Every structure is written in C-alpha cells, then in structure tokens.
Amino acid sequence: QLDLLWTRKQNVMYNLFDWPTQKHSKLIILAVANTMDLPERIMMNRVASRLVCPSTVKGLYMCAGLLKEMNIPLLILLSLCWQTVAALSGDARRCLDICRRATEICEFASQKRTPEIVKMAHVTEAIDEMFSSPYIKAIRNASLHEQIFLKAILAEFRRAGVEEATVQQVYRQHLVLCRVEGLQSPTVSEVMAACSRLGACRILLVEPSSKYLQVRVRLNISQDDVTYALKDE
C-alpha cells in the first residue's frame, strides 16, 4: 500500500524505488495504491521519476476488467466515473462503488419496464446519490469561515501526511487561505467557534482538551465528500 509509506520528505519512498536502480540490483518493487493518480497527486518529481506507472487509460481498462461480467457499455460508464472520482481524491474504490450503484439503479428501473443497459442517466443519478448526504448539504450551507476551516483541515492533512491535526495547525492554514482569497483573517475565537459548530454537526470529531489551541480535530466524513461539497464554493 504505497500511499501508507508517504512522509513529508518522501525519503522512504525515494529509497525504496532507488534500490532497483542500483548497479547489479536484482530487486523488483511492485507497489499498489487505491489512488488513481498517486504520483501526480502526492509525489515529488525525484520519486515519481523512478516509477513505471500504468496510465489512466490502462487503469480504466483494469477497472473494466473487474466489471466485465456486467452487461453494460463499460468504457462510457467508467469514463464518467473516472473523471468524477479523479477530480476528488482519486480513490479507485469510489469509482467501482459508483459503477455498482448505477447498475442497481438500472436493474430496479428495468423491473418496471423492458430491460435496458446502464446509461449516463443512471451513472449521474448514482454520483448525485453518493455525494448528497446530509453532511454535504450541511457543508454547503455552512458559513464562509466554516468552509475555509474545512479547506484548511484538508491542506494541513496533505502537509502533515496524517488525518488528524490541532486547531492551531489548522488555524495557520486558515490564515494562509484567507490571505490568498483576500479575506479578512478571523480571530482565534472566531475559528474556535467555527470548529465547535462543525463538531456539533458531526462533520468534525473534536477531541476535548483544556488547552485552547491544542484541541485535536479529525474529519467524521471522507475527504472526498468534503472536497465535493466545497468544489463550487
């Protein structure tokens, strides 16, 4: 599971993939990750340059091979799923989930009339259904600084390589995002209030602490869902 070896300086992955390039080396490294575009998404060039990766098109055919037993136009179906999921975290498992759900929707509709194959409408419905949870609606209805706080959490997770952070760490990212967007920076109290409201909605899991800025936070939903909810904001 290659993505679990990620570190900030990426020395672990660099050394791992550098070994097979050494003179007289007889080592072959085969790495697996659920992320469809892992090299482009998280790897430095010095690491990515040592990989031989299947292209997105090859990955698409690999995914099609897993679904070939379904009597559906695979490439059309998967192309739409692939583009949607790649725009978020790129988790290939989510792509498969959408395909399965689209097939179920089609089969249910076929029970009411003549049988049909999966169409774009089924795929679109499956995508909308997957990304229309109450949490996503809550994020879209959240205040500006609550949404920025969530973006800051995602930025901090990417920076640190772990899916937990203190409010202080997130606050730093929050201030950076506000400067980039030309927005007035919030006070610590305002950020803590935003964090508390997100915790009350169960979008965040907030670990109690008597140390104000050292409160630790985690997402209670997937990063995919947060990204999807915020993509048009």
Protein backbone atom coordinates (compact mmCIF):
# COMPACT_ATOMS: atom_id res chain seq x y z
CA GLN A 1 0.00 0.00 0.00
CA LEU A 2 2.22 2.74 -1.36
CA ASP A 3 0.21 5.67 -0.04
CA LEU A 4 0.80 4.47 3.54
CA LEU A 5 4.56 5.00 3.08
CA TRP A 6 4.16 8.71 2.38
CA THR A 7 6.21 11.06 4.54
CA ARG A 8 6.74 14.79 4.21
CA LYS A 9 10.26 14.49 2.75
CA GLN A 10 9.33 11.24 0.97
CA ASN A 11 12.70 9.67 1.83
CA VAL A 12 11.12 6.27 2.48
CA MET A 13 9.55 6.03 -0.97
CA TYR A 14 12.62 7.51 -2.65
CA ASN A 15 14.95 4.94 -1.09
CA LEU A 16 12.53 2.13 -1.81
CA PHE A 17 12.37 2.88 -5.52
CA ASP A 18 16.01 3.82 -5.76
CA TRP A 19 17.20 0.33 -4.73
CA PRO A 20 16.17 -1.38 -8.00
CA THR A 21 18.16 1.23 -9.97
CA GLN A 22 21.44 0.37 -8.23
CA LYS A 23 24.15 -1.42 -10.19
CA HIS A 24 23.74 -5.24 -10.18
CA SER A 25 20.44 -4.90 -8.32
CA LYS A 26 18.05 -7.85 -8.75
CA LEU A 27 15.24 -6.22 -6.83
CA ILE A 28 11.82 -5.52 -8.32
CA ILE A 29 9.33 -3.40 -6.36
CA LEU A 30 5.61 -3.82 -7.08
CA ALA A 31 3.53 -1.17 -5.33
CA VAL A 32 -0.24 -0.88 -5.00
CA ALA A 33 -2.39 2.12 -4.13
CA ASN A 34 -6.09 2.87 -4.31
CA THR A 35 -5.41 6.39 -5.58
CA MET A 36 -5.65 6.53 -9.36
CA ASP A 37 -3.14 9.38 -9.83
CA LEU A 38 -0.90 8.94 -6.78
CA PRO A 39 2.41 10.07 -8.45
CA GLU A 40 0.87 13.31 -9.71
CA ARG A 41 -1.07 13.94 -6.52
CA ILE A 42 1.48 13.50 -3.74
CA MET A 43 4.91 12.51 -5.07
CA MET A 44 7.91 14.74 -5.60
CA ASN A 45 9.47 14.54 -9.05
CA ARG A 46 12.55 12.73 -7.77
CA VAL A 47 10.32 9.90 -6.52
CA ALA A 48 7.83 9.83 -9.39
CA SER A 49 10.66 9.67 -11.93
CA ARG A 50 11.67 6.26 -10.56
CA LEU A 51 8.24 4.72 -11.09
CA VAL A 52 6.79 2.93 -14.07
CA CYS A 53 3.07 3.58 -13.62
CA PRO A 54 0.06 2.37 -15.56
CA SER A 55 -1.54 5.29 -17.36
CA THR A 56 -5.04 6.46 -16.58
CA VAL A 57 -6.27 4.71 -19.71
CA LYS A 58 -4.69 1.42 -18.64
CA GLY A 59 -6.16 1.90 -15.19
CA LEU A 60 -9.53 2.38 -16.82
CA TYR A 61 -9.23 -0.94 -18.63
CA MET A 62 -8.11 -2.63 -15.40
CA CYS A 63 -11.25 -1.32 -13.74
CA ALA A 64 -13.31 -2.51 -16.72
CA GLY A 65 -11.84 -5.96 -16.32
CA LEU A 66 -13.27 -6.13 -12.81
CA LEU A 67 -16.71 -5.21 -14.11
CA LYS A 68 -16.81 -7.11 -17.40
CA GLU A 69 -19.42 -9.55 -16.12
CA MET A 70 -21.95 -6.72 -16.10
CA ASN A 71 -23.69 -6.36 -19.45
CA ILE A 72 -23.09 -2.60 -19.78
CA PRO A 73 -21.11 -0.20 -22.03
CA LEU A 74 -18.08 -0.24 -19.76
CA LEU A 75 -15.85 2.40 -21.25
CA ILE A 76 -18.59 5.04 -21.43
CA LEU A 77 -19.72 4.25 -17.92
CA LEU A 78 -16.24 4.20 -16.44
CA SER A 79 -15.07 7.32 -18.23
CA LEU A 80 -17.67 9.42 -16.45
CA CYS A 81 -16.99 7.74 -13.09
CA TRP A 82 -13.25 8.07 -13.56
CA GLN A 83 -13.41 11.79 -14.31
CA THR A 84 -15.69 12.45 -11.34
CA VAL A 85 -13.59 10.50 -8.84
CA ALA A 86 -10.26 11.75 -10.21
CA ALA A 87 -11.43 15.31 -9.58
CA LEU A 88 -11.72 14.46 -5.88
CA SER A 89 -9.30 12.12 -4.10
CA GLY A 90 -8.87 9.69 -6.99
CA ASP A 91 -9.81 6.64 -4.91
CA ALA A 92 -10.49 3.87 -7.43
CA ARG A 93 -12.77 2.09 -4.97
CA ARG A 94 -15.20 5.00 -5.12
CA CYS A 95 -15.27 4.59 -8.91
CA LEU A 96 -16.28 0.94 -8.51
CA ASP A 97 -18.94 1.88 -5.95
CA ILE A 98 -20.50 4.32 -8.42
CA CYS A 99 -20.49 1.67 -11.14
CA ARG A 100 -22.18 -0.86 -8.90
CA ARG A 101 -24.81 1.62 -7.75
CA ALA A 102 -25.54 2.72 -11.33
CA THR A 103 -26.09 -0.93 -12.23
CA GLU A 104 -28.50 -1.40 -9.30
CA ILE A 105 -30.46 1.69 -10.34
CA CYS A 106 -30.70 0.36 -13.88
CA GLU A 107 -31.82 -3.09 -12.72
CA PHE A 108 -34.51 -1.59 -10.48
CA ALA A 109 -35.80 0.58 -13.35
CA SER A 110 -35.80 -2.45 -15.68
CA GLN A 111 -38.18 -4.30 -13.36
CA LYS A 112 -40.83 -1.73 -14.19
CA ARG A 113 -40.42 -1.89 -17.97
CA THR A 114 -38.36 -3.59 -20.66
CA PRO A 115 -34.74 -4.43 -19.70
CA GLU A 116 -32.12 -1.86 -20.62
CA ILE A 117 -28.40 -1.27 -20.27
CA VAL A 118 -26.80 1.25 -17.94
CA LYS A 119 -26.96 4.77 -19.36
CA MET A 120 -25.44 8.10 -18.47
CA ALA A 121 -28.59 9.00 -16.55
CA HIS A 122 -28.06 6.01 -14.24
CA VAL A 123 -24.43 6.96 -13.66
CA THR A 124 -25.32 10.59 -12.98
CA GLU A 125 -28.01 9.52 -10.52
CA ALA A 126 -25.54 7.21 -8.75
CA ILE A 127 -22.98 10.03 -8.48
CA ASP A 128 -25.56 12.51 -7.17
CA GLU A 129 -26.82 9.93 -4.67
CA MET A 130 -23.32 9.13 -3.42
CA PHE A 131 -22.48 12.79 -2.88
CA SER A 132 -25.79 14.05 -1.48
CA SER A 133 -25.56 13.07 2.16
CA PRO A 134 -26.86 15.39 4.92
CA TYR A 135 -23.23 16.15 5.78
CA ILE A 136 -22.58 17.52 2.30
CA LYS A 137 -25.70 19.65 2.47
CA ALA A 138 -24.59 20.92 5.88
CA ILE A 139 -21.17 21.89 4.48
CA ARG A 140 -22.74 23.75 1.58
CA ASN A 141 -24.95 25.66 4.00
CA ALA A 142 -22.08 26.41 6.39
CA SER A 143 -20.69 29.91 6.91
CA LEU A 144 -17.74 31.17 4.88
CA HIS A 145 -15.19 30.66 7.65
CA GLU A 146 -16.56 27.20 8.47
CA GLN A 147 -15.98 26.23 4.84
CA ILE A 148 -12.50 27.77 4.89
CA PHE A 149 -11.77 25.90 8.12
CA LEU A 150 -12.60 22.63 6.34
CA LYS A 151 -10.36 23.58 3.42
CA ALA A 152 -7.62 24.38 5.93
CA ILE A 153 -8.03 20.94 7.50
CA LEU A 154 -7.57 19.27 4.11
CA ALA A 155 -4.50 21.42 3.45
CA GLU A 156 -2.99 20.51 6.82
CA PHE A 157 -3.68 16.80 6.30
CA ARG A 158 -1.86 16.97 2.96
CA ARG A 159 1.03 18.87 4.51
CA ALA A 160 1.48 16.57 7.51
CA GLY A 161 0.54 13.28 5.86
CA VAL A 162 -1.76 12.32 8.74
CA GLU A 163 -5.52 12.72 9.14
CA GLU A 164 -5.53 14.48 12.49
CA ALA A 165 -4.41 17.97 13.46
CA THR A 166 -4.60 20.53 16.23
CA VAL A 167 -6.73 23.64 15.87
CA GLN A 168 -3.51 25.67 15.97
CA GLN A 169 -2.14 23.84 12.92
CA VAL A 170 -5.42 24.27 11.07
CA TYR A 171 -5.57 27.93 12.08
CA ARG A 172 -2.23 28.59 10.36
CA GLN A 173 -3.58 27.08 7.15
CA HIS A 174 -6.80 29.06 7.61
CA LEU A 175 -4.86 32.34 7.73
CA VAL A 176 -2.94 31.41 4.57
CA LEU A 177 -6.16 30.66 2.70
CA CYS A 178 -7.68 33.97 3.81
CA ARG A 179 -4.63 35.87 2.54
CA VAL A 180 -4.80 34.05 -0.79
CA GLU A 181 -8.52 34.85 -1.15
CA GLY A 182 -8.07 38.44 0.01
CA LEU A 183 -10.34 37.92 3.02
CA GLN A 184 -10.05 39.42 6.47
CA SER A 185 -8.35 37.00 8.82
CA PRO A 186 -10.54 35.67 11.65
CA THR A 187 -9.59 35.81 15.30
CA VAL A 188 -8.73 32.68 17.23
CA SER A 189 -12.11 32.88 18.97
CA GLU A 190 -13.93 33.01 15.63
CA VAL A 191 -12.04 29.97 14.37
CA MET A 192 -12.73 28.07 17.58
CA ALA A 193 -16.43 28.92 17.21
CA ALA A 194 -16.41 27.62 13.62
CA CYS A 195 -14.70 24.43 14.79
CA SER A 196 -17.29 23.96 17.55
CA ARG A 197 -20.20 24.38 15.12
CA LEU A 198 -18.70 21.84 12.71
CA GLY A 199 -18.19 19.49 15.63
CA ALA A 200 -21.82 19.97 16.73
CA CYS A 201 -22.91 18.94 13.20
CA ARG A 202 -20.66 15.86 13.48
CA ILE A 203 -18.74 16.90 10.39
CA LEU A 204 -15.70 17.04 12.65
CA LEU A 205 -14.68 14.88 15.57
CA VAL A 206 -13.30 17.27 18.17
CA GLU A 207 -11.18 15.81 20.95
CA PRO A 208 -11.82 17.59 24.27
CA SER A 209 -8.85 19.44 25.71
CA SER A 210 -8.29 22.14 28.30
CA LYS A 211 -5.54 23.58 26.08
CA TYR A 212 -7.35 26.01 23.82
CA LEU A 213 -5.44 25.68 20.52
CA GLN A 214 -4.22 22.15 21.15
CA VAL A 215 -7.67 20.64 20.64
CA ARG A 216 -7.28 17.86 18.07
CA VAL A 217 -9.72 17.50 15.20
CA ARG A 218 -10.48 14.79 12.64
CA LEU A 219 -12.99 14.55 9.85
CA ASN A 220 -16.05 12.42 10.53
CA ILE A 221 -16.68 12.04 6.78
CA SER A 222 -14.37 11.21 3.92
CA GLN A 223 -12.09 13.83 2.39
CA ASP A 224 -13.80 13.04 -0.92
CA ASP A 225 -17.13 14.24 0.44
CA VAL A 226 -15.64 17.45 1.83
CA THR A 227 -13.87 18.21 -1.46
CA TYR A 228 -17.05 17.51 -3.41
CA ALA A 229 -19.14 19.71 -1.14
CA LEU A 230 -16.69 22.61 -1.45
CA LYS A 231 -15.75 22.29 -5.12
CA ASP A 232 -18.08 25.06 -6.31
CA GLU A 233 -17.62 27.29 -3.28
